């Protein structure tokens, strides 16, 4: 597991030009939900 925050994720998505709405409230919501899912499974990570 590589740690990140939603803000770091948005910054990297902008640099990769992955979509045109990286700063939208909806994208922020998606990233926050994905982070919650990562947190829920983090107990299994070996590193």
ModelCIF file with pLDDT and N, C-alpha, C, O atoms, coordinates in Angstrom:
data_MODEL
#
_entry.id   MODEL 
#
_entity.id                         1 
_entity.type                       polymer 
_entity.pdbx_number_of_molecules   1 
#
_entity_poly.entity_id                      1 
_entity_poly.type                           'polypeptide(L)' 
_entity_poly.nstd_linkage                   no 
_entity_poly.nstd_monomer                   no 
_entity_poly.pdbx_seq_one_letter_code       
;(UNK)(UNK)(UNK)(UNK)(UNK)(UNK)(UNK)(UNK)(UNK)(UNK)(UNK)(UNK)(UNK)(UNK)(UNK)(UNK)
(UNK)(UNK)(UNK)(UNK)(UNK)(UNK)(UNK)(UNK)(UNK)(UNK)(UNK)(UNK)(UNK)(UNK)(UNK)(UNK)
(UNK)(UNK)(UNK)(UNK)(UNK)(UNK)(UNK)(UNK)(UNK)(UNK)(UNK)(UNK)(UNK)(UNK)(UNK)
;
_entity_poly.pdbx_seq_one_letter_code_can   XXXXXXXXXXXXXXXXXXXXXXXXXXXXXXXXXXXXXXXXXXXXXXX 
_entity_poly.pdbx_strand_id                 A 
#
loop_
_entity_poly_seq.entity_id 
_entity_poly_seq.num 
_entity_poly_seq.mon_id 
_entity_poly_seq.hetero 
1 1  UNK n 
1 2  UNK n 
1 3  UNK n 
1 4  UNK n 
1 5  UNK n 
1 6  UNK n 
1 7  UNK n 
1 8  UNK n 
1 9  UNK n 
1 10 UNK n 
1 11 UNK n 
1 12 UNK n 
1 13 UNK n 
1 14 UNK n 
1 15 UNK n 
1 16 UNK n 
1 17 UNK n 
1 18 UNK n 
1 19 UNK n 
1 20 UNK n 
1 21 UNK n 
1 22 UNK n 
1 23 UNK n 
1 24 UNK n 
1 25 UNK n 
1 26 UNK n 
1 27 UNK n 
1 28 UNK n 
1 29 UNK n 
1 30 UNK n 
1 31 UNK n 
1 32 UNK n 
1 33 UNK n 
1 34 UNK n 
1 35 UNK n 
1 36 UNK n 
1 37 UNK n 
1 38 UNK n 
1 39 UNK n 
1 40 UNK n 
1 41 UNK n 
1 42 UNK n 
1 43 UNK n 
1 44 UNK n 
1 45 UNK n 
1 46 UNK n 
1 47 UNK n 
#
_struct_asym.id          A 
_struct_asym.entity_id   1 
#
loop_
_ma_qa_metric.id 
_ma_qa_metric.mode 
_ma_qa_metric.name 
_ma_qa_metric.software_group_id 
_ma_qa_metric.type 
1 global pLDDT . pLDDT 
2 local  pLDDT . pLDDT 
#
_ma_qa_metric_global.metric_id      1 
_ma_qa_metric_global.metric_value   79.66 
_ma_qa_metric_global.model_id       1 
_ma_qa_metric_global.ordinal_id     1 
#
loop_
_ma_qa_metric_local.label_asym_id 
_ma_qa_metric_local.label_comp_id 
_ma_qa_metric_local.label_seq_id 
_ma_qa_metric_local.metric_id 
_ma_qa_metric_local.metric_value 
_ma_qa_metric_local.model_id 
_ma_qa_metric_local.ordinal_id 
A UNK 1  2 98.00 1 1  
A UNK 2  2 97.00 1 2  
A UNK 3  2 91.00 1 3  
A UNK 4  2 79.00 1 4  
A UNK 5  2 64.00 1 5  
A UNK 6  2 58.00 1 6  
A UNK 7  2 61.00 1 7  
A UNK 8  2 63.00 1 8  
A UNK 9  2 64.00 1 9  
A UNK 10 2 59.00 1 10 
A UNK 11 2 64.00 1 11 
A UNK 12 2 62.00 1 12 
A UNK 13 2 61.00 1 13 
A UNK 14 2 62.00 1 14 
A UNK 15 2 61.00 1 15 
A UNK 16 2 55.00 1 16 
A UNK 17 2 50.00 1 17 
A UNK 18 2 50.00 1 18 
A UNK 19 2 51.00 1 19 
A UNK 20 2 52.00 1 20 
A UNK 21 2 56.00 1 21 
A UNK 22 2 59.00 1 22 
A UNK 23 2 70.00 1 23 
A UNK 24 2 89.00 1 24 
A UNK 25 2 94.00 1 25 
A UNK 26 2 96.00 1 26 
A UNK 27 2 92.00 1 27 
A UNK 28 2 90.00 1 28 
A UNK 29 2 95.00 1 29 
A UNK 30 2 94.00 1 30 
A UNK 31 2 90.00 1 31 
A UNK 32 2 90.00 1 32 
A UNK 33 2 94.00 1 33 
A UNK 34 2 93.00 1 34 
A UNK 35 2 91.00 1 35 
A UNK 36 2 93.00 1 36 
A UNK 37 2 94.00 1 37 
A UNK 38 2 95.00 1 38 
A UNK 39 2 94.00 1 39 
A UNK 40 2 94.00 1 40 
A UNK 41 2 96.00 1 41 
A UNK 42 2 96.00 1 42 
A UNK 43 2 96.00 1 43 
A UNK 44 2 97.00 1 44 
A UNK 45 2 98.00 1 45 
A UNK 46 2 98.00 1 46 
A UNK 47 2 98.00 1 47 
#
loop_
_atom_site.group_PDB 
_atom_site.id 
_atom_site.type_symbol 
_atom_site.label_atom_id 
_atom_site.label_alt_id 
_atom_site.label_comp_id 
_atom_site.label_asym_id 
_atom_site.label_entity_id 
_atom_site.label_seq_id 
_atom_site.pdbx_PDB_ins_code 
_atom_site.Cartn_x 
_atom_site.Cartn_y 
_atom_site.Cartn_z 
_atom_site.occupancy 
_atom_site.B_iso_or_equiv 
_atom_site.pdbx_formal_charge 
_atom_site.auth_seq_id 
_atom_site.auth_comp_id 
_atom_site.auth_asym_id 
_atom_site.auth_atom_id 
_atom_site.pdbx_PDB_model_num 
ATOM 1   N N  . UNK A 1 1  ? 0.832   -1.200 0.000   1.00 98.00 ? 1  UNK A N  1 
ATOM 2   C CA . UNK A 1 1  ? 0.000   0.000  0.000   1.00 98.00 ? 1  UNK A CA 1 
ATOM 3   C C  . UNK A 1 1  ? 0.865   1.247  0.000   1.00 98.00 ? 1  UNK A C  1 
ATOM 4   O O  . UNK A 1 1  ? 1.695   1.446  0.886   1.00 98.00 ? 1  UNK A O  1 
ATOM 5   N N  . UNK A 1 2  ? 0.656   2.089  -1.014  1.00 97.00 ? 2  UNK A N  1 
ATOM 6   C CA . UNK A 1 2  ? 1.316   3.389  -1.085  1.00 97.00 ? 2  UNK A CA 1 
ATOM 7   C C  . UNK A 1 2  ? 0.345   4.441  -0.576  1.00 97.00 ? 2  UNK A C  1 
ATOM 8   O O  . UNK A 1 2  ? -0.750  4.599  -1.115  1.00 97.00 ? 2  UNK A O  1 
ATOM 9   N N  . UNK A 1 3  ? 0.744   5.150  0.449   1.00 91.00 ? 3  UNK A N  1 
ATOM 10  C CA . UNK A 1 3  ? -0.139  6.126  1.074   1.00 91.00 ? 3  UNK A CA 1 
ATOM 11  C C  . UNK A 1 3  ? -0.290  7.372  0.206   1.00 91.00 ? 3  UNK A C  1 
ATOM 12  O O  . UNK A 1 3  ? 0.662   7.826  -0.427  1.00 91.00 ? 3  UNK A O  1 
ATOM 13  N N  . UNK A 1 4  ? -1.503  7.911  0.192   1.00 79.00 ? 4  UNK A N  1 
ATOM 14  C CA . UNK A 1 4  ? -1.748  9.180  -0.493  1.00 79.00 ? 4  UNK A CA 1 
ATOM 15  C C  . UNK A 1 4  ? -2.975  9.823  0.112   1.00 79.00 ? 4  UNK A C  1 
ATOM 16  O O  . UNK A 1 4  ? -3.712  9.193  0.870   1.00 79.00 ? 4  UNK A O  1 
ATOM 17  N N  . UNK A 1 5  ? -3.192  11.096 -0.230  1.00 64.00 ? 5  UNK A N  1 
ATOM 18  C CA . UNK A 1 5  ? -4.410  11.795 0.160   1.00 64.00 ? 5  UNK A CA 1 
ATOM 19  C C  . UNK A 1 5  ? -5.163  12.177 -1.111  1.00 64.00 ? 5  UNK A C  1 
ATOM 20  O O  . UNK A 1 5  ? -4.563  12.224 -2.185  1.00 64.00 ? 5  UNK A O  1 
ATOM 21  N N  . UNK A 1 6  ? -6.474  12.453 -1.012  1.00 58.00 ? 6  UNK A N  1 
ATOM 22  C CA . UNK A 1 6  ? -7.213  12.863 -2.206  1.00 58.00 ? 6  UNK A CA 1 
ATOM 23  C C  . UNK A 1 6  ? -6.618  14.082 -2.908  1.00 58.00 ? 6  UNK A C  1 
ATOM 24  O O  . UNK A 1 6  ? -6.643  14.156 -4.137  1.00 58.00 ? 6  UNK A O  1 
ATOM 25  N N  . UNK A 1 7  ? -6.083  15.035 -2.149  1.00 61.00 ? 7  UNK A N  1 
ATOM 26  C CA . UNK A 1 7  ? -5.499  16.219 -2.781  1.00 61.00 ? 7  UNK A CA 1 
ATOM 27  C C  . UNK A 1 7  ? -4.270  15.855 -3.599  1.00 61.00 ? 7  UNK A C  1 
ATOM 28  O O  . UNK A 1 7  ? -4.089  16.378 -4.699  1.00 61.00 ? 7  UNK A O  1 
ATOM 29  N N  . UNK A 1 8  ? -3.421  14.969 -3.084  1.00 63.00 ? 8  UNK A N  1 
ATOM 30  C CA . UNK A 1 8  ? -2.255  14.516 -3.836  1.00 63.00 ? 8  UNK A CA 1 
ATOM 31  C C  . UNK A 1 8  ? -2.690  13.767 -5.094  1.00 63.00 ? 8  UNK A C  1 
ATOM 32  O O  . UNK A 1 8  ? -2.060  13.877 -6.146  1.00 63.00 ? 8  UNK A O  1 
ATOM 33  N N  . UNK A 1 9  ? -3.764  13.012 -4.971  1.00 64.00 ? 9  UNK A N  1 
ATOM 34  C CA . UNK A 1 9  ? -4.274  12.271 -6.111  1.00 64.00 ? 9  UNK A CA 1 
ATOM 35  C C  . UNK A 1 9  ? -4.747  13.227 -7.204  1.00 64.00 ? 9  UNK A C  1 
ATOM 36  O O  . UNK A 1 9  ? -4.449  13.018 -8.380  1.00 64.00 ? 9  UNK A O  1 
ATOM 37  N N  . UNK A 1 10 ? -5.479  14.269 -6.826  1.00 59.00 ? 10 UNK A N  1 
ATOM 38  C CA . UNK A 1 10 ? -5.954  15.244 -7.820  1.00 59.00 ? 10 UNK A CA 1 
ATOM 39  C C  . UNK A 1 10 ? -4.781  15.925 -8.516  1.00 59.00 ? 10 UNK A C  1 
ATOM 40  O O  . UNK A 1 10 ? -4.804  16.118 -9.732  1.00 59.00 ? 10 UNK A O  1 
ATOM 41  N N  . UNK A 1 11 ? -3.755  16.289 -7.748  1.00 64.00 ? 11 UNK A N  1 
ATOM 42  C CA . UNK A 1 11 ? -2.593  16.952 -8.339  1.00 64.00 ? 11 UNK A CA 1 
ATOM 43  C C  . UNK A 1 11 ? -1.922  16.060 -9.372  1.00 64.00 ? 11 UNK A C  1 
ATOM 44  O O  . UNK A 1 11 ? -1.515  16.526 -10.436 1.00 64.00 ? 11 UNK A O  1 
ATOM 45  N N  . UNK A 1 12 ? -1.809  14.766 -9.049  1.00 62.00 ? 12 UNK A N  1 
ATOM 46  C CA . UNK A 1 12 ? -1.162  13.857 -9.991  1.00 62.00 ? 12 UNK A CA 1 
ATOM 47  C C  . UNK A 1 12 ? -2.030  13.616 -11.210 1.00 62.00 ? 12 UNK A C  1 
ATOM 48  O O  . UNK A 1 12 ? -1.513  13.490 -12.320 1.00 62.00 ? 12 UNK A O  1 
ATOM 49  N N  . UNK A 1 13 ? -3.341  13.550 -11.024 1.00 61.00 ? 13 UNK A N  1 
ATOM 50  C CA . UNK A 1 13 ? -4.240  13.361 -12.167 1.00 61.00 ? 13 UNK A CA 1 
ATOM 51  C C  . UNK A 1 13 ? -4.148  14.549 -13.123 1.00 61.00 ? 13 UNK A C  1 
ATOM 52  O O  . UNK A 1 13 ? -4.213  14.386 -14.342 1.00 61.00 ? 13 UNK A O  1 
ATOM 53  N N  . UNK A 1 14 ? -3.997  15.742 -12.556 1.00 62.00 ? 14 UNK A N  1 
ATOM 54  C CA . UNK A 1 14 ? -3.843  16.919 -13.419 1.00 62.00 ? 14 UNK A CA 1 
ATOM 55  C C  . UNK A 1 14 ? -2.572  16.817 -14.239 1.00 62.00 ? 14 UNK A C  1 
ATOM 56  O O  . UNK A 1 14 ? -2.569  17.154 -15.423 1.00 62.00 ? 14 UNK A O  1 
ATOM 57  N N  . UNK A 1 15 ? -1.493  16.358 -13.624 1.00 61.00 ? 15 UNK A N  1 
ATOM 58  C CA . UNK A 1 15 ? -0.212  16.268 -14.331 1.00 61.00 ? 15 UNK A CA 1 
ATOM 59  C C  . UNK A 1 15 ? -0.256  15.216 -15.430 1.00 61.00 ? 15 UNK A C  1 
ATOM 60  O O  . UNK A 1 15 ? 0.465   15.320 -16.422 1.00 61.00 ? 15 UNK A O  1 
ATOM 61  N N  . UNK A 1 16 ? -1.110  14.195 -15.255 1.00 55.00 ? 16 UNK A N  1 
ATOM 62  C CA . UNK A 1 16 ? -1.216  13.129 -16.247 1.00 55.00 ? 16 UNK A CA 1 
ATOM 63  C C  . UNK A 1 16 ? -2.334  13.397 -17.253 1.00 55.00 ? 16 UNK A C  1 
ATOM 64  O O  . UNK A 1 16 ? -2.541  12.620 -18.185 1.00 55.00 ? 16 UNK A O  1 
ATOM 65  N N  . UNK A 1 17 ? -3.054  14.507 -17.055 1.00 50.00 ? 17 UNK A N  1 
ATOM 66  C CA . UNK A 1 17 ? -4.148  14.872 -17.960 1.00 50.00 ? 17 UNK A CA 1 
ATOM 67  C C  . UNK A 1 17 ? -5.132  13.716 -18.132 1.00 50.00 ? 17 UNK A C  1 
ATOM 68  O O  . UNK A 1 17 ? -5.574  13.426 -19.243 1.00 50.00 ? 17 UNK A O  1 
ATOM 69  N N  . UNK A 1 18 ? -5.469  13.064 -17.028 1.00 50.00 ? 18 UNK A N  1 
ATOM 70  C CA . UNK A 1 18 ? -6.312  11.881 -17.112 1.00 50.00 ? 18 UNK A CA 1 
ATOM 71  C C  . UNK A 1 18 ? -7.751  12.246 -17.450 1.00 50.00 ? 18 UNK A C  1 
ATOM 72  O O  . UNK A 1 18 ? -8.435  11.459 -18.103 1.00 50.00 ? 18 UNK A O  1 
ATOM 73  N N  . UNK A 1 19 ? -8.228  13.397 -17.033 1.00 51.00 ? 19 UNK A N  1 
ATOM 74  C CA . UNK A 1 19 ? -9.544  13.879 -17.444 1.00 51.00 ? 19 UNK A CA 1 
ATOM 75  C C  . UNK A 1 19 ? -9.551  15.385 -17.326 1.00 51.00 ? 19 UNK A C  1 
ATOM 76  O O  . UNK A 1 19 ? -8.596  15.979 -16.825 1.00 51.00 ? 19 UNK A O  1 
ATOM 77  N N  . UNK A 1 20 ? -10.619 16.005 -17.783 1.00 52.00 ? 20 UNK A N  1 
ATOM 78  C CA . UNK A 1 20 ? -10.685 17.457 -17.799 1.00 52.00 ? 20 UNK A CA 1 
ATOM 79  C C  . UNK A 1 20 ? -11.391 18.051 -16.617 1.00 52.00 ? 20 UNK A C  1 
ATOM 80  O O  . UNK A 1 20 ? -11.610 19.262 -16.592 1.00 52.00 ? 20 UNK A O  1 
ATOM 81  N N  . UNK A 1 21 ? -11.764 17.250 -15.619 1.00 56.00 ? 21 UNK A N  1 
ATOM 82  C CA . UNK A 1 21 ? -12.556 17.749 -14.505 1.00 56.00 ? 21 UNK A CA 1 
ATOM 83  C C  . UNK A 1 21 ? -11.949 17.332 -13.175 1.00 56.00 ? 21 UNK A C  1 
ATOM 84  O O  . UNK A 1 21 ? -12.668 16.982 -12.239 1.00 56.00 ? 21 UNK A O  1 
ATOM 85  N N  . UNK A 1 22 ? -10.636 17.371 -13.096 1.00 59.00 ? 22 UNK A N  1 
ATOM 86  C CA . UNK A 1 22 ? -9.969  16.852 -11.908 1.00 59.00 ? 22 UNK A CA 1 
ATOM 87  C C  . UNK A 1 22 ? -10.243 17.695 -10.672 1.00 59.00 ? 22 UNK A C  1 
ATOM 88  O O  . UNK A 1 22 ? -10.086 17.200 -9.556  1.00 59.00 ? 22 UNK A O  1 
ATOM 89  N N  . UNK A 1 23 ? -10.648 18.956 -10.831 1.00 70.00 ? 23 UNK A N  1 
ATOM 90  C CA . UNK A 1 23 ? -10.903 19.803 -9.682  1.00 70.00 ? 23 UNK A CA 1 
ATOM 91  C C  . UNK A 1 23 ? -12.375 19.867 -9.319  1.00 70.00 ? 23 UNK A C  1 
ATOM 92  O O  . UNK A 1 23 ? -12.739 20.604 -8.403  1.00 70.00 ? 23 UNK A O  1 
ATOM 93  N N  . UNK A 1 24 ? -13.227 19.130 -9.995  1.00 89.00 ? 24 UNK A N  1 
ATOM 94  C CA . UNK A 1 24 ? -14.658 19.214 -9.745  1.00 89.00 ? 24 UNK A CA 1 
ATOM 95  C C  . UNK A 1 24 ? -15.003 18.620 -8.393  1.00 89.00 ? 24 UNK A C  1 
ATOM 96  O O  . UNK A 1 24 ? -14.279 17.777 -7.864  1.00 89.00 ? 24 UNK A O  1 
ATOM 97  N N  . UNK A 1 25 ? -16.125 19.074 -7.838  1.00 94.00 ? 25 UNK A N  1 
ATOM 98  C CA . UNK A 1 25 ? -16.577 18.538 -6.557  1.00 94.00 ? 25 UNK A CA 1 
ATOM 99  C C  . UNK A 1 25 ? -16.911 17.065 -6.676  1.00 94.00 ? 25 UNK A C  1 
ATOM 100 O O  . UNK A 1 25 ? -16.715 16.301 -5.732  1.00 94.00 ? 25 UNK A O  1 
ATOM 101 N N  . UNK A 1 26 ? -17.413 16.665 -7.831  1.00 96.00 ? 26 UNK A N  1 
ATOM 102 C CA . UNK A 1 26 ? -17.760 15.253 -8.016  1.00 96.00 ? 26 UNK A CA 1 
ATOM 103 C C  . UNK A 1 26 ? -16.502 14.384 -7.992  1.00 96.00 ? 26 UNK A C  1 
ATOM 104 O O  . UNK A 1 26 ? -16.484 13.338 -7.343  1.00 96.00 ? 26 UNK A O  1 
ATOM 105 N N  . UNK A 1 27 ? -15.447 14.812 -8.699  1.00 92.00 ? 27 UNK A N  1 
ATOM 106 C CA . UNK A 1 27 ? -14.189 14.061 -8.689  1.00 92.00 ? 27 UNK A CA 1 
ATOM 107 C C  . UNK A 1 27 ? -13.611 13.994 -7.281  1.00 92.00 ? 27 UNK A C  1 
ATOM 108 O O  . UNK A 1 27 ? -13.094 12.958 -6.865  1.00 92.00 ? 27 UNK A O  1 
ATOM 109 N N  . UNK A 1 28 ? -13.700 15.101 -6.549  1.00 90.00 ? 28 UNK A N  1 
ATOM 110 C CA . UNK A 1 28 ? -13.228 15.110 -5.166  1.00 90.00 ? 28 UNK A CA 1 
ATOM 111 C C  . UNK A 1 28 ? -13.970 14.070 -4.340  1.00 90.00 ? 28 UNK A C  1 
ATOM 112 O O  . UNK A 1 28 ? -13.368 13.365 -3.531  1.00 90.00 ? 28 UNK A O  1 
ATOM 113 N N  . UNK A 1 29 ? -15.278 13.978 -4.547  1.00 95.00 ? 29 UNK A N  1 
ATOM 114 C CA . UNK A 1 29 ? -16.078 12.989 -3.836  1.00 95.00 ? 29 UNK A CA 1 
ATOM 115 C C  . UNK A 1 29 ? -15.642 11.569 -4.178  1.00 95.00 ? 29 UNK A C  1 
ATOM 116 O O  . UNK A 1 29 ? -15.512 10.722 -3.294  1.00 95.00 ? 29 UNK A O  1 
ATOM 117 N N  . UNK A 1 30 ? -15.418 11.312 -5.462  1.00 94.00 ? 30 UNK A N  1 
ATOM 118 C CA . UNK A 1 30 ? -14.978 9.986  -5.899  1.00 94.00 ? 30 UNK A CA 1 
ATOM 119 C C  . UNK A 1 30 ? -13.653 9.624  -5.226  1.00 94.00 ? 30 UNK A C  1 
ATOM 120 O O  . UNK A 1 30 ? -13.498 8.510  -4.725  1.00 94.00 ? 30 UNK A O  1 
ATOM 121 N N  . UNK A 1 31 ? -12.710 10.546 -5.211  1.00 90.00 ? 31 UNK A N  1 
ATOM 122 C CA . UNK A 1 31 ? -11.405 10.277 -4.620  1.00 90.00 ? 31 UNK A CA 1 
ATOM 123 C C  . UNK A 1 31 ? -11.513 10.037 -3.112  1.00 90.00 ? 31 UNK A C  1 
ATOM 124 O O  . UNK A 1 31 ? -10.799 9.199  -2.561  1.00 90.00 ? 31 UNK A O  1 
ATOM 125 N N  . UNK A 1 32 ? -12.396 10.763 -2.456  1.00 90.00 ? 32 UNK A N  1 
ATOM 126 C CA . UNK A 1 32 ? -12.592 10.572 -1.018  1.00 90.00 ? 32 UNK A CA 1 
ATOM 127 C C  . UNK A 1 32 ? -13.182 9.194  -0.726  1.00 90.00 ? 32 UNK A C  1 
ATOM 128 O O  . UNK A 1 32 ? -12.776 8.528  0.227   1.00 90.00 ? 32 UNK A O  1 
ATOM 129 N N  . UNK A 1 33 ? -14.133 8.775  -1.545  1.00 94.00 ? 33 UNK A N  1 
ATOM 130 C CA . UNK A 1 33 ? -14.730 7.446  -1.354  1.00 94.00 ? 33 UNK A CA 1 
ATOM 131 C C  . UNK A 1 33 ? -13.695 6.363  -1.617  1.00 94.00 ? 33 UNK A C  1 
ATOM 132 O O  . UNK A 1 33 ? -13.618 5.385  -0.873  1.00 94.00 ? 33 UNK A O  1 
ATOM 133 N N  . UNK A 1 34 ? -12.896 6.529  -2.671  1.00 93.00 ? 34 UNK A N  1 
ATOM 134 C CA . UNK A 1 34 ? -11.848 5.546  -2.955  1.00 93.00 ? 34 UNK A CA 1 
ATOM 135 C C  . UNK A 1 34 ? -10.843 5.466  -1.814  1.00 93.00 ? 34 UNK A C  1 
ATOM 136 O O  . UNK A 1 34 ? -10.360 4.383  -1.483  1.00 93.00 ? 34 UNK A O  1 
ATOM 137 N N  . UNK A 1 35 ? -10.527 6.615  -1.208  1.00 91.00 ? 35 UNK A N  1 
ATOM 138 C CA . UNK A 1 35 ? -9.593  6.608  -0.080  1.00 91.00 ? 35 UNK A CA 1 
ATOM 139 C C  . UNK A 1 35 ? -10.192 5.859  1.102   1.00 91.00 ? 35 UNK A C  1 
ATOM 140 O O  . UNK A 1 35 ? -9.481  5.140  1.804   1.00 91.00 ? 35 UNK A O  1 
ATOM 141 N N  . UNK A 1 36 ? -11.482 6.019  1.325   1.00 93.00 ? 36 UNK A N  1 
ATOM 142 C CA . UNK A 1 36 ? -12.145 5.291  2.411   1.00 93.00 ? 36 UNK A CA 1 
ATOM 143 C C  . UNK A 1 36 ? -12.071 3.784  2.174   1.00 93.00 ? 36 UNK A C  1 
ATOM 144 O O  . UNK A 1 36 ? -11.893 3.008  3.112   1.00 93.00 ? 36 UNK A O  1 
ATOM 145 N N  . UNK A 1 37 ? -12.209 3.381  0.916   1.00 94.00 ? 37 UNK A N  1 
ATOM 146 C CA . UNK A 1 37 ? -12.119 1.958  0.585   1.00 94.00 ? 37 UNK A CA 1 
ATOM 147 C C  . UNK A 1 37 ? -10.698 1.440  0.802   1.00 94.00 ? 37 UNK A C  1 
ATOM 148 O O  . UNK A 1 37 ? -10.506 0.331  1.300   1.00 94.00 ? 37 UNK A O  1 
ATOM 149 N N  . UNK A 1 38 ? -9.709  2.245  0.429   1.00 95.00 ? 38 UNK A N  1 
ATOM 150 C CA . UNK A 1 38 ? -8.317  1.859  0.675   1.00 95.00 ? 38 UNK A CA 1 
ATOM 151 C C  . UNK A 1 38 ? -8.057  1.707  2.172   1.00 95.00 ? 38 UNK A C  1 
ATOM 152 O O  . UNK A 1 38 ? -7.389  0.766  2.599   1.00 95.00 ? 38 UNK A O  1 
ATOM 153 N N  . UNK A 1 39 ? -8.586  2.635  2.963   1.00 94.00 ? 39 UNK A N  1 
ATOM 154 C CA . UNK A 1 39 ? -8.409  2.577  4.406   1.00 94.00 ? 39 UNK A CA 1 
ATOM 155 C C  . UNK A 1 39 ? -9.039  1.313  4.987   1.00 94.00 ? 39 UNK A C  1 
ATOM 156 O O  . UNK A 1 39 ? -8.483  0.692  5.893   1.00 94.00 ? 39 UNK A O  1 
ATOM 157 N N  . UNK A 1 40 ? -10.202 0.938  4.455   1.00 94.00 ? 40 UNK A N  1 
ATOM 158 C CA . UNK A 1 40 ? -10.915 -0.215 4.987   1.00 94.00 ? 40 UNK A CA 1 
ATOM 159 C C  . UNK A 1 40 ? -10.145 -1.515 4.780   1.00 94.00 ? 40 UNK A C  1 
ATOM 160 O O  . UNK A 1 40 ? -10.294 -2.457 5.558   1.00 94.00 ? 40 UNK A O  1 
ATOM 161 N N  . UNK A 1 41 ? -9.319  -1.567 3.728   1.00 96.00 ? 41 UNK A N  1 
ATOM 162 C CA . UNK A 1 41 ? -8.555  -2.793 3.423   1.00 96.00 ? 41 UNK A CA 1 
ATOM 163 C C  . UNK A 1 41 ? -7.095  -2.698 3.842   1.00 96.00 ? 41 UNK A C  1 
ATOM 164 O O  . UNK A 1 41 ? -6.339  -3.655 3.670   1.00 96.00 ? 41 UNK A O  1 
ATOM 165 N N  . UNK A 1 42 ? -6.691  -1.563 4.385   1.00 96.00 ? 42 UNK A N  1 
ATOM 166 C CA . UNK A 1 42 ? -5.270  -1.342 4.689   1.00 96.00 ? 42 UNK A CA 1 
ATOM 167 C C  . UNK A 1 42 ? -4.718  -2.356 5.691   1.00 96.00 ? 42 UNK A C  1 
ATOM 168 O O  . UNK A 1 42 ? -3.517  -2.626 5.709   1.00 96.00 ? 42 UNK A O  1 
ATOM 169 N N  . UNK A 1 43 ? -5.595  -2.914 6.521   1.00 96.00 ? 43 UNK A N  1 
ATOM 170 C CA . UNK A 1 43 ? -5.145  -3.884 7.529   1.00 96.00 ? 43 UNK A CA 1 
ATOM 171 C C  . UNK A 1 43 ? -4.465  -5.090 6.902   1.00 96.00 ? 43 UNK A C  1 
ATOM 172 O O  . UNK A 1 43 ? -3.648  -5.750 7.545   1.00 96.00 ? 43 UNK A O  1 
ATOM 173 N N  . UNK A 1 44 ? -4.804  -5.387 5.629   1.00 97.00 ? 44 UNK A N  1 
ATOM 174 C CA . UNK A 1 44 ? -4.255  -6.579 4.963   1.00 97.00 ? 44 UNK A CA 1 
ATOM 175 C C  . UNK A 1 44 ? -2.897  -6.344 4.331   1.00 97.00 ? 44 UNK A C  1 
ATOM 176 O O  . UNK A 1 44 ? -2.207  -7.302 3.981   1.00 97.00 ? 44 UNK A O  1 
ATOM 177 N N  . UNK A 1 45 ? -2.503  -5.101 4.180   1.00 98.00 ? 45 UNK A N  1 
ATOM 178 C CA . UNK A 1 45 ? -1.249  -4.793 3.481   1.00 98.00 ? 45 UNK A CA 1 
ATOM 179 C C  . UNK A 1 45 ? -0.054  -5.360 4.238   1.00 98.00 ? 45 UNK A C  1 
ATOM 180 O O  . UNK A 1 45 ? 0.047   -5.225 5.458   1.00 98.00 ? 45 UNK A O  1 
ATOM 181 N N  . UNK A 1 46 ? 0.850   -5.996 3.494   1.00 98.00 ? 46 UNK A N  1 
ATOM 182 C CA . UNK A 1 46 ? 2.059   -6.537 4.107   1.00 98.00 ? 46 UNK A CA 1 
ATOM 183 C C  . UNK A 1 46 ? 3.135   -5.456 4.242   1.00 98.00 ? 46 UNK A C  1 
ATOM 184 O O  . UNK A 1 46 ? 3.989   -5.520 5.127   1.00 98.00 ? 46 UNK A O  1 
ATOM 185 N N  . UNK A 1 47 ? 3.077   -4.465 3.349   1.00 98.00 ? 47 UNK A N  1 
ATOM 186 C CA . UNK A 1 47 ? 4.028   -3.347 3.390   1.00 98.00 ? 47 UNK A CA 1 
ATOM 187 C C  . UNK A 1 47 ? 3.224   -2.071 3.176   1.00 98.00 ? 47 UNK A C  1 
ATOM 188 O O  . UNK A 1 47 ? 3.791   -0.979 3.166   1.00 98.00 ? 47 UNK A O  1 
#
